[in-house]
Structures are given as structure tokens and as C-alpha cells.
Amino acid sequence: MLVGIKTRGAFIAKRLAERIEQIEGKPIMTGELDITLYRDDLSVKNQNKEPLVQQVDISHNISNKKVVLVDDVLYTGRTVRAAMDAVMDLGRPAQIQLAVLIDRGHRELPIRADFVGKNIPTSSNERIVVQMMESDGSDRVAIHE
């Protein structure tokens, strides 16, 4: 099962599921998690500076299934940790893996991706901006200072 972290991770998960179905000939279950990333300008759970899980759209039972969390950019690891907590609240998967389009480093938690589209080392003052056709009108990855 592919579970995309909204917004762009959900788009990537849907694209991956479609491609896997084309190759394997079987449909892949998908779901979405809406997680607010911890940033200075967004809400923080109990002042612990943790991402907030706002909405879960997973209609399938995840117990004893392999769940692959999908996100666009892996940075500190806090978003992934919050997503794992949300998945565990829904049941006990057999395994949780992580797929990301971009791994930019700078981890604050001991989290690593199992599947990485591209490693892009960045400085802490740079930002990776991912644009996708579904939300931005084009597919593009850019580094901004």
C-alpha cells in the first residue's frame, strides 16, 4: 500500500501506483495523510514543535500490510515521524518503508528513505521547491536560497 503525505507526496503516490499497476497488472492500494509540517509560521502540537496530523484518508485496513510512505522532500525527518505515528494509530502494519522524490539531508531524527529519486545535498539556508502538474501546472524541482 502506498500512502502519500499531502500534498505532493499524495500526487507522487498516485503516480507510482498507476505505474506499478501498468507493470504488474494489479491495482495498488493508496491512501493519503494530511500533515502540517513544523515551520515557524504553522501551528505546533503542544509546543513540542511536532508536525500535526490533520486528516487521514486511508480506506483500507493496514494491519499486516507493507505500507510505503511517500513524500516529495525528506529534510529533518519530523514529518515522516508524524506520518508513522498516524499510520500506527490505524493498525499494525507488517512493515513501514519510505519513498521520497528528493533527499536533501539535514536530518534531526534517525530516519532514512528506503527509496530515493535523487539525493540533493543542500545548505541549511537553501530550500527545495517541488512543483507538480496536479497542483502547480508543471513538473519541476528547484533549489532556492
N, C-alpha and C. Protein backbone atom coordinates (compact mmCIF):
# COMPACT_ATOMS: atom_id res chain seq x y z
N MET A 1 0.85 -1.18 0.00
CA MET A 1 0.00 0.00 0.00
C MET A 1 0.89 1.24 0.00
N LEU A 2 0.58 2.20 -0.88
CA LEU A 2 1.30 3.46 -0.93
C LEU A 2 0.48 4.53 -0.22
N VAL A 3 1.08 5.21 0.74
CA VAL A 3 0.39 6.27 1.48
C VAL A 3 1.16 7.56 1.27
N GLY A 4 0.54 8.49 0.55
CA GLY A 4 1.18 9.77 0.25
C GLY A 4 0.94 10.78 1.34
N ILE A 5 1.99 11.53 1.64
CA ILE A 5 1.89 12.63 2.59
C ILE A 5 1.51 13.86 1.78
N LYS A 6 0.33 14.42 2.09
CA LYS A 6 -0.18 15.54 1.29
C LYS A 6 0.77 16.72 1.34
N THR A 7 0.88 17.47 0.34
CA THR A 7 0.08 17.40 -0.86
C THR A 7 0.83 16.66 -1.96
N ARG A 8 2.07 17.01 -2.18
CA ARG A 8 2.79 16.45 -3.32
C ARG A 8 3.13 14.97 -3.14
N GLY A 9 3.31 14.52 -1.93
CA GLY A 9 3.55 13.10 -1.70
C GLY A 9 2.36 12.26 -2.12
N ALA A 10 1.16 12.80 -1.95
CA ALA A 10 -0.05 12.09 -2.38
C ALA A 10 -0.09 11.97 -3.90
N PHE A 11 0.31 13.05 -4.59
CA PHE A 11 0.36 13.00 -6.06
C PHE A 11 1.39 11.98 -6.53
N ILE A 12 2.55 11.97 -5.88
CA ILE A 12 3.61 11.02 -6.25
C ILE A 12 3.14 9.59 -6.00
N ALA A 13 2.48 9.35 -4.87
CA ALA A 13 1.98 8.01 -4.55
C ALA A 13 0.99 7.53 -5.62
N LYS A 14 0.10 8.41 -6.05
CA LYS A 14 -0.87 8.03 -7.09
C LYS A 14 -0.17 7.71 -8.40
N ARG A 15 0.82 8.51 -8.75
CA ARG A 15 1.57 8.25 -9.99
C ARG A 15 2.31 6.91 -9.90
N LEU A 16 2.94 6.67 -8.76
CA LEU A 16 3.66 5.41 -8.57
C LEU A 16 2.70 4.22 -8.65
N ALA A 17 1.54 4.34 -8.01
CA ALA A 17 0.56 3.25 -8.04
C ALA A 17 0.11 2.96 -9.47
N GLU A 18 -0.13 4.01 -10.24
CA GLU A 18 -0.54 3.82 -11.63
C GLU A 18 0.55 3.13 -12.43
N ARG A 19 1.79 3.53 -12.24
CA ARG A 19 2.90 2.94 -12.98
C ARG A 19 3.13 1.49 -12.57
N ILE A 20 3.06 1.21 -11.28
CA ILE A 20 3.23 -0.17 -10.81
C ILE A 20 2.11 -1.05 -11.37
N GLU A 21 0.88 -0.52 -11.40
CA GLU A 21 -0.23 -1.29 -11.95
C GLU A 21 -0.01 -1.59 -13.44
N GLN A 22 0.53 -0.63 -14.18
CA GLN A 22 0.83 -0.86 -15.59
C GLN A 22 1.85 -1.99 -15.75
N ILE A 23 2.84 -2.02 -14.89
CA ILE A 23 3.92 -3.02 -14.98
C ILE A 23 3.46 -4.38 -14.46
N GLU A 24 2.85 -4.39 -13.28
CA GLU A 24 2.49 -5.64 -12.61
C GLU A 24 1.12 -6.18 -13.01
N GLY A 25 0.26 -5.32 -13.53
CA GLY A 25 -1.07 -5.76 -13.91
C GLY A 25 -2.03 -5.91 -12.76
N LYS A 26 -1.67 -5.40 -11.58
CA LYS A 26 -2.54 -5.46 -10.40
C LYS A 26 -2.67 -4.06 -9.80
N PRO A 27 -3.86 -3.73 -9.31
CA PRO A 27 -4.02 -2.41 -8.68
C PRO A 27 -3.26 -2.34 -7.35
N ILE A 28 -2.77 -1.18 -7.04
CA ILE A 28 -2.05 -0.92 -5.79
C ILE A 28 -2.93 -0.05 -4.91
N MET A 29 -3.13 -0.45 -3.68
CA MET A 29 -3.92 0.36 -2.74
C MET A 29 -3.16 1.64 -2.41
N THR A 30 -3.89 2.74 -2.31
CA THR A 30 -3.28 4.02 -1.95
C THR A 30 -4.08 4.68 -0.84
N GLY A 31 -3.45 5.63 -0.18
CA GLY A 31 -4.09 6.43 0.85
C GLY A 31 -3.34 7.74 0.97
N GLU A 32 -3.88 8.65 1.79
CA GLU A 32 -3.27 9.96 1.97
C GLU A 32 -3.27 10.35 3.43
N LEU A 33 -2.21 11.04 3.83
CA LEU A 33 -2.13 11.66 5.15
C LEU A 33 -1.95 13.15 4.95
N ASP A 34 -2.70 13.96 5.67
CA ASP A 34 -2.54 15.41 5.62
C ASP A 34 -1.77 15.82 6.87
N ILE A 35 -0.52 16.18 6.69
CA ILE A 35 0.34 16.54 7.82
C ILE A 35 0.83 17.97 7.65
N THR A 36 0.62 18.77 8.67
CA THR A 36 1.13 20.13 8.65
C THR A 36 2.58 20.09 9.12
N LEU A 37 3.47 20.49 8.24
CA LEU A 37 4.89 20.48 8.59
C LEU A 37 5.19 21.50 9.68
N TYR A 38 6.13 21.17 10.52
CA TYR A 38 6.55 22.15 11.51
C TYR A 38 7.37 23.23 10.81
N ARG A 39 6.84 24.40 10.87
CA ARG A 39 7.54 25.58 10.40
C ARG A 39 7.20 26.69 11.39
N ASP A 40 7.97 27.76 11.40
CA ASP A 40 7.73 28.87 12.32
C ASP A 40 6.35 29.48 12.15
N ASP A 41 5.80 29.42 10.91
CA ASP A 41 4.54 30.09 10.64
C ASP A 41 3.32 29.17 10.71
N LEU A 42 3.51 27.91 11.08
CA LEU A 42 2.38 26.99 11.16
C LEU A 42 2.18 26.50 12.59
N SER A 43 1.00 25.94 12.85
CA SER A 43 0.66 25.51 14.20
C SER A 43 1.57 24.39 14.68
N VAL A 44 1.72 24.32 16.00
CA VAL A 44 2.60 23.35 16.63
C VAL A 44 1.82 22.63 17.72
N LYS A 45 1.97 21.31 17.76
CA LYS A 45 1.25 20.47 18.72
C LYS A 45 1.87 20.60 20.10
N ASN A 46 1.11 21.11 21.05
CA ASN A 46 1.54 21.21 22.46
C ASN A 46 2.91 21.84 22.63
N GLN A 47 3.25 22.76 21.76
CA GLN A 47 4.54 23.46 21.83
C GLN A 47 5.74 22.52 21.75
N ASN A 48 5.54 21.27 21.30
CA ASN A 48 6.64 20.31 21.17
C ASN A 48 7.30 20.41 19.81
N LYS A 49 6.85 21.33 18.99
CA LYS A 49 7.39 21.52 17.64
C LYS A 49 7.33 20.24 16.82
N GLU A 50 6.21 19.53 16.94
CA GLU A 50 5.98 18.31 16.15
C GLU A 50 4.97 18.62 15.06
N PRO A 51 5.07 17.97 13.89
CA PRO A 51 4.04 18.17 12.87
C PRO A 51 2.69 17.66 13.37
N LEU A 52 1.63 18.25 12.88
CA LEU A 52 0.28 17.84 13.26
C LEU A 52 -0.33 16.99 12.16
N VAL A 53 -0.92 15.90 12.54
CA VAL A 53 -1.67 15.08 11.59
C VAL A 53 -3.07 15.65 11.57
N GLN A 54 -3.51 16.17 10.41
CA GLN A 54 -4.81 16.83 10.36
C GLN A 54 -5.89 15.96 9.75
N GLN A 55 -5.55 15.13 8.77
CA GLN A 55 -6.57 14.33 8.12
C GLN A 55 -5.93 13.04 7.60
N VAL A 56 -6.63 11.96 7.76
CA VAL A 56 -6.18 10.68 7.25
C VAL A 56 -7.23 10.17 6.28
N ASP A 57 -6.82 9.86 5.07
CA ASP A 57 -7.73 9.33 4.06
C ASP A 57 -7.19 7.97 3.61
N ILE A 58 -7.37 6.98 4.48
CA ILE A 58 -6.93 5.62 4.19
C ILE A 58 -8.14 4.71 4.44
N SER A 59 -8.72 4.23 3.35
CA SER A 59 -9.94 3.44 3.48
C SER A 59 -9.67 1.94 3.60
N HIS A 60 -8.40 1.53 3.46
CA HIS A 60 -8.05 0.12 3.53
C HIS A 60 -7.48 -0.22 4.90
N ASN A 61 -7.66 -1.46 5.32
CA ASN A 61 -7.06 -1.93 6.56
C ASN A 61 -5.55 -2.08 6.35
N ILE A 62 -4.76 -1.47 7.22
CA ILE A 62 -3.31 -1.53 7.04
C ILE A 62 -2.65 -2.64 7.85
N SER A 63 -3.40 -3.29 8.71
CA SER A 63 -2.82 -4.34 9.55
C SER A 63 -2.20 -5.44 8.70
N ASN A 64 -0.99 -5.80 9.06
CA ASN A 64 -0.22 -6.86 8.40
C ASN A 64 0.08 -6.58 6.93
N LYS A 65 0.04 -5.32 6.53
CA LYS A 65 0.39 -4.95 5.16
C LYS A 65 1.70 -4.17 5.15
N LYS A 66 2.40 -4.22 4.02
CA LYS A 66 3.57 -3.37 3.83
C LYS A 66 3.07 -2.00 3.40
N VAL A 67 3.41 -0.97 4.18
CA VAL A 67 2.99 0.39 3.90
C VAL A 67 4.23 1.17 3.47
N VAL A 68 4.14 1.81 2.32
CA VAL A 68 5.23 2.67 1.85
C VAL A 68 4.73 4.10 1.94
N LEU A 69 5.31 4.87 2.86
CA LEU A 69 5.01 6.30 2.96
C LEU A 69 5.73 7.00 1.81
N VAL A 70 5.05 7.95 1.18
CA VAL A 70 5.61 8.65 0.03
C VAL A 70 5.55 10.15 0.29
N ASP A 71 6.70 10.82 0.10
CA ASP A 71 6.75 12.28 0.26
C ASP A 71 7.62 12.88 -0.82
N ASP A 72 7.50 14.19 -0.99
CA ASP A 72 8.30 14.84 -2.02
C ASP A 72 9.73 15.10 -1.56
N VAL A 73 9.90 15.71 -0.38
CA VAL A 73 11.24 16.06 0.09
C VAL A 73 11.44 15.54 1.51
N LEU A 74 12.54 14.85 1.73
CA LEU A 74 12.93 14.42 3.07
C LEU A 74 13.98 15.39 3.58
N TYR A 75 13.70 15.99 4.73
CA TYR A 75 14.59 17.00 5.29
C TYR A 75 14.94 16.61 6.72
N THR A 76 14.23 17.11 7.72
CA THR A 76 14.59 16.84 9.12
C THR A 76 14.14 15.47 9.60
N GLY A 77 13.09 14.93 8.99
CA GLY A 77 12.54 13.65 9.41
C GLY A 77 11.31 13.78 10.29
N ARG A 78 10.98 14.99 10.71
CA ARG A 78 9.85 15.19 11.62
C ARG A 78 8.50 14.87 10.97
N THR A 79 8.35 15.21 9.72
CA THR A 79 7.11 14.90 9.01
C THR A 79 6.92 13.40 8.89
N VAL A 80 7.97 12.69 8.56
CA VAL A 80 7.90 11.24 8.41
C VAL A 80 7.56 10.60 9.75
N ARG A 81 8.15 11.09 10.82
CA ARG A 81 7.85 10.54 12.14
C ARG A 81 6.38 10.72 12.48
N ALA A 82 5.83 11.89 12.19
CA ALA A 82 4.42 12.14 12.45
C ALA A 82 3.55 11.23 11.58
N ALA A 83 3.95 11.01 10.33
CA ALA A 83 3.20 10.13 9.44
C ALA A 83 3.24 8.69 9.95
N MET A 84 4.39 8.25 10.46
CA MET A 84 4.48 6.90 11.02
C MET A 84 3.56 6.75 12.23
N ASP A 85 3.52 7.77 13.08
CA ASP A 85 2.61 7.74 14.23
C ASP A 85 1.17 7.61 13.78
N ALA A 86 0.79 8.37 12.73
CA ALA A 86 -0.59 8.32 12.23
C ALA A 86 -0.91 6.94 11.68
N VAL A 87 0.02 6.34 10.95
CA VAL A 87 -0.19 5.00 10.40
C VAL A 87 -0.35 3.99 11.54
N MET A 88 0.50 4.08 12.55
CA MET A 88 0.43 3.14 13.68
C MET A 88 -0.88 3.27 14.45
N ASP A 89 -1.46 4.47 14.47
CA ASP A 89 -2.76 4.65 15.12
C ASP A 89 -3.88 3.91 14.39
N LEU A 90 -3.67 3.61 13.12
CA LEU A 90 -4.69 2.93 12.31
C LEU A 90 -4.59 1.42 12.38
N GLY A 91 -3.51 0.90 12.88
CA GLY A 91 -3.31 -0.54 12.94
C GLY A 91 -1.83 -0.87 13.04
N ARG A 92 -1.53 -2.16 12.89
CA ARG A 92 -0.13 -2.58 12.98
C ARG A 92 0.30 -3.15 11.64
N PRO A 93 0.94 -2.31 10.81
CA PRO A 93 1.40 -2.82 9.52
C PRO A 93 2.54 -3.82 9.70
N ALA A 94 2.70 -4.70 8.72
CA ALA A 94 3.80 -5.66 8.76
C ALA A 94 5.13 -4.93 8.62
N GLN A 95 5.13 -3.83 7.87
CA GLN A 95 6.36 -3.08 7.62
C GLN A 95 5.99 -1.68 7.16
N ILE A 96 6.80 -0.69 7.52
CA ILE A 96 6.67 0.67 7.00
C ILE A 96 7.98 1.00 6.31
N GLN A 97 7.86 1.43 5.05
CA GLN A 97 9.02 1.90 4.31
C GLN A 97 8.77 3.33 3.88
N LEU A 98 9.82 3.99 3.39
CA LEU A 98 9.72 5.39 2.99
C LEU A 98 10.29 5.57 1.60
N ALA A 99 9.50 6.24 0.75
CA ALA A 99 9.94 6.61 -0.59
C ALA A 99 9.84 8.13 -0.71
N VAL A 100 10.92 8.76 -1.18
CA VAL A 100 10.91 10.21 -1.36
C VAL A 100 11.45 10.56 -2.74
N LEU A 101 10.95 11.65 -3.29
CA LEU A 101 11.46 12.14 -4.56
C LEU A 101 12.86 12.73 -4.37
N ILE A 102 13.02 13.56 -3.32
CA ILE A 102 14.28 14.25 -3.05
C ILE A 102 14.68 14.03 -1.59
N ASP A 103 15.95 13.65 -1.37
CA ASP A 103 16.53 13.61 -0.01
C ASP A 103 17.58 14.71 0.03
N ARG A 104 17.32 15.71 0.87
CA ARG A 104 18.24 16.85 0.93
C ARG A 104 19.16 16.85 2.16
N GLY A 105 19.06 15.81 2.99
CA GLY A 105 19.93 15.74 4.16
C GLY A 105 19.41 16.58 5.32
N HIS A 106 20.28 16.87 6.28
CA HIS A 106 19.98 17.71 7.45
C HIS A 106 19.01 17.05 8.42
N ARG A 107 19.11 15.74 8.62
CA ARG A 107 18.19 15.02 9.49
C ARG A 107 18.34 15.44 10.95
N GLU A 108 17.22 15.56 11.64
CA GLU A 108 17.18 15.79 13.08
C GLU A 108 16.77 14.52 13.82
N LEU A 109 16.23 13.56 13.09
CA LEU A 109 15.80 12.28 13.66
C LEU A 109 16.44 11.16 12.86
N PRO A 110 16.62 9.99 13.47
CA PRO A 110 17.28 8.88 12.76
C PRO A 110 16.34 8.19 11.77
N ILE A 111 16.02 8.91 10.70
CA ILE A 111 15.10 8.41 9.68
C ILE A 111 15.82 8.46 8.34
N ARG A 112 15.67 7.38 7.56
CA ARG A 112 16.25 7.37 6.22
C ARG A 112 15.23 6.79 5.25
N ALA A 113 15.34 7.19 4.01
CA ALA A 113 14.42 6.70 2.98
C ALA A 113 14.91 5.37 2.43
N ASP A 114 13.97 4.47 2.16
CA ASP A 114 14.29 3.20 1.52
C ASP A 114 14.41 3.36 0.01
N PHE A 115 13.66 4.32 -0.53
CA PHE A 115 13.66 4.58 -1.97
C PHE A 115 13.81 6.08 -2.18
N VAL A 116 14.83 6.49 -2.94
CA VAL A 116 15.12 7.91 -3.15
C VAL A 116 15.21 8.17 -4.65
N GLY A 117 14.46 9.17 -5.12
CA GLY A 117 14.57 9.56 -6.52
C GLY A 117 15.89 10.24 -6.79
N LYS A 118 16.28 11.20 -5.94
CA LYS A 118 17.52 11.95 -6.12
C LYS A 118 17.99 12.49 -4.78
N ASN A 119 19.27 12.32 -4.50
CA ASN A 119 19.90 12.97 -3.34
C ASN A 119 20.40 14.33 -3.80
N ILE A 120 19.98 15.38 -3.11
CA ILE A 120 20.43 16.73 -3.43
C ILE A 120 20.95 17.37 -2.15
N PRO A 121 22.26 17.32 -1.91
CA PRO A 121 22.81 17.97 -0.72
C PRO A 121 22.57 19.49 -0.80
N THR A 122 22.10 20.05 0.29
CA THR A 122 21.80 21.47 0.34
C THR A 122 22.42 22.08 1.59
N SER A 123 22.54 23.39 1.58
CA SER A 123 22.90 24.09 2.80
C SER A 123 21.61 24.35 3.57
N SER A 124 21.74 24.67 4.84
CA SER A 124 20.53 24.85 5.65
C SER A 124 19.74 26.10 5.26
N ASN A 125 20.35 27.03 4.52
CA ASN A 125 19.61 28.23 4.11
C ASN A 125 18.99 28.08 2.72
N GLU A 126 19.15 26.92 2.10
CA GLU A 126 18.53 26.66 0.81
C GLU A 126 17.22 25.91 1.01
N ARG A 127 16.32 26.03 0.04
CA ARG A 127 15.06 25.31 0.06
C ARG A 127 14.92 24.54 -1.24
N ILE A 128 14.34 23.35 -1.14
CA ILE A 128 13.99 22.58 -2.33
C ILE A 128 12.51 22.84 -2.60
N VAL A 129 12.19 23.27 -3.80
CA VAL A 129 10.81 23.53 -4.17
C VAL A 129 10.42 22.53 -5.25
N VAL A 130 9.42 21.69 -4.93
CA VAL A 130 8.91 20.70 -5.87
C VAL A 130 7.59 21.21 -6.42
N GLN A 131 7.48 21.23 -7.74
CA GLN A 131 6.23 21.59 -8.38
C GLN A 131 5.73 20.36 -9.14
N MET A 132 4.42 20.17 -9.10
CA MET A 132 3.82 19.03 -9.79
C MET A 132 2.65 19.50 -10.63
N MET A 133 2.46 18.83 -11.75
CA MET A 133 1.40 19.18 -12.69
C MET A 133 0.05 19.31 -12.00
N GLU A 134 -0.26 18.40 -11.07
CA GLU A 134 -1.57 18.38 -10.43
C GLU A 134 -1.88 19.64 -9.63
N SER A 135 -0.87 20.27 -9.05
CA SER A 135 -1.12 21.44 -8.21
C SER A 135 -0.48 22.71 -8.74
N ASP A 136 0.57 22.57 -9.55
CA ASP A 136 1.34 23.74 -9.95
C ASP A 136 1.38 23.97 -11.47
N GLY A 137 0.84 23.05 -12.23
CA GLY A 137 0.81 23.20 -13.67
C GLY A 137 2.05 22.73 -14.41
N SER A 138 3.08 22.30 -13.66
CA SER A 138 4.29 21.76 -14.30
C SER A 138 5.02 20.85 -13.31
N ASP A 139 5.85 19.98 -13.84
CA ASP A 139 6.69 19.11 -13.02
C ASP A 139 8.09 19.71 -12.99
N ARG A 140 8.56 20.04 -11.78
CA ARG A 140 9.87 20.70 -11.69
C ARG A 140 10.38 20.64 -10.26
N VAL A 141 11.69 20.54 -10.11
CA VAL A 141 12.35 20.63 -8.81
C VAL A 141 13.39 21.75 -8.93
N ALA A 142 13.39 22.66 -7.95
CA ALA A 142 14.32 23.78 -7.97
C ALA A 142 14.89 24.01 -6.58
N ILE A 143 16.08 24.57 -6.54
CA ILE A 143 16.71 24.97 -5.28
C ILE A 143 16.65 26.49 -5.19
N HIS A 144 16.13 26.98 -4.07
CA HIS A 144 16.03 28.42 -3.82
C HIS A 144 16.83 28.76 -2.57
N GLU A 145 17.45 29.94 -2.60
CA GLU A 145 18.16 30.40 -1.40
C GLU A 145 17.29 31.33 -0.60
